[in-house]
Amino acid sequence: MTERSVPMRPRRSFDSDPEPLGVLGARLREARDAVSEHRHGPVGSEAAVASRRMMLQALEDYIGALEALRLPVPYALRDELRLHQQLFDR
């Protein structure tokens, strides 16, 4: 079985040190909460779109920081990023 290739968006490059992982992790949890809050409402509402955009940015920032620190990126996070990229590009 072959995996469909999904073009990855360029992640934010960190010219200086990335924000601490604790701060980025908190932002990721907030984004997950926002997406969850709008999950059962209208799909195209401004709030739902904004929460998905916030989630995508939080995932990109967190994974970018892990990579900048040369830490492993858990498969689940990479898969979650790919999922949100596909959903947002619709």
Protein backbone atom coordinates (compact mmCIF):
# COMPACT_ATOMS: atom_id res chain seq x y z
CA MET A 1 0.00 0.00 0.00
CA THR A 2 1.44 3.38 -0.92
CA GLU A 3 0.85 6.51 1.08
CA ARG A 4 -0.50 9.47 -0.83
CA SER A 5 2.05 12.22 -0.82
CA VAL A 6 0.84 15.45 0.70
CA PRO A 7 2.82 18.59 -0.02
CA MET A 8 4.03 20.05 3.24
CA ARG A 9 3.77 23.76 3.80
CA PRO A 10 7.05 25.38 4.68
CA ARG A 11 7.22 25.74 8.41
CA ARG A 12 8.21 28.95 10.06
CA SER A 13 11.98 29.08 10.21
CA PHE A 14 13.38 30.16 13.51
CA ASP A 15 16.17 32.68 12.89
CA SER A 16 16.76 32.82 16.60
CA ASP A 17 15.84 30.33 19.28
CA PRO A 18 12.28 29.02 19.00
CA GLU A 19 9.79 29.79 21.73
CA PRO A 20 10.00 27.38 24.66
CA LEU A 21 8.21 24.10 24.01
CA GLY A 22 6.05 24.67 27.09
CA VAL A 23 4.65 27.88 25.59
CA LEU A 24 4.11 26.26 22.20
CA GLY A 25 2.53 23.21 23.86
CA ALA A 26 0.11 25.45 25.75
CA ARG A 27 -0.78 27.22 22.51
CA LEU A 28 -1.37 23.83 20.87
CA ARG A 29 -3.71 22.77 23.70
CA GLU A 30 -5.63 26.05 23.42
CA ALA A 31 -5.99 25.52 19.67
CA ARG A 32 -7.24 21.95 20.20
CA ASP A 33 -9.80 23.25 22.69
CA ALA A 34 -10.97 25.91 20.21
CA VAL A 35 -11.33 23.36 17.39
CA SER A 36 -13.21 21.03 19.72
CA GLU A 37 -15.55 23.84 20.79
CA HIS A 38 -16.50 24.58 17.18
CA ARG A 39 -16.62 20.95 16.01
CA HIS A 40 -20.42 20.67 16.10
CA GLY A 41 -21.25 24.09 14.72
CA PRO A 42 -21.43 25.29 11.13
CA VAL A 43 -18.33 24.11 9.24
CA GLY A 44 -17.73 27.35 7.37
CA SER A 45 -18.37 29.74 10.24
CA GLU A 46 -15.71 32.37 10.86
CA ALA A 47 -15.05 30.97 14.32
CA ALA A 48 -14.57 27.41 13.01
CA VAL A 49 -12.24 28.56 10.25
CA ALA A 50 -10.26 30.73 12.68
CA SER A 51 -9.89 27.84 15.14
CA ARG A 52 -8.67 25.50 12.37
CA ARG A 53 -6.20 28.15 11.18
CA MET A 54 -4.98 28.57 14.78
CA MET A 55 -4.63 24.78 15.11
CA LEU A 56 -2.63 24.49 11.90
CA GLN A 57 -0.31 27.32 12.94
CA ALA A 58 0.16 25.86 16.45
CA LEU A 59 1.04 22.45 15.01
CA GLU A 60 3.48 23.97 12.51
CA ASP A 61 5.13 26.06 15.22
CA TYR A 62 5.41 23.18 17.69
CA ILE A 63 6.80 20.74 15.13
CA GLY A 64 9.13 23.43 13.76
CA ALA A 65 10.49 24.02 17.27
CA LEU A 66 11.03 20.30 17.81
CA GLU A 67 12.92 20.09 14.51
CA ALA A 68 14.95 23.22 15.29
CA LEU A 69 15.99 21.64 18.58
CA ARG A 70 16.75 18.40 16.74
CA LEU A 71 14.20 16.51 18.81
CA PRO A 72 12.11 13.69 17.37
CA VAL A 73 8.65 14.55 16.09
CA PRO A 74 6.10 11.99 17.27
CA TYR A 75 4.31 10.24 14.40
CA ALA A 76 0.94 11.22 15.86
CA LEU A 77 1.84 14.94 15.69
CA ARG A 78 3.14 14.64 12.14
CA ASP A 79 -0.06 12.80 11.14
CA GLU A 80 -2.20 15.41 12.89
CA LEU A 81 -0.40 18.17 11.00
CA ARG A 82 -0.94 16.38 7.69
CA LEU A 83 -4.64 15.92 8.51
CA HIS A 84 -5.14 19.61 9.32
CA GLN A 85 -3.23 20.68 6.22
CA GLN A 86 -5.55 18.54 4.07
CA LEU A 87 -8.67 19.82 5.84
CA PHE A 88 -7.62 23.44 5.60
CA ASP A 89 -6.75 23.22 1.92
CA ARG A 90 -10.28 22.13 0.99
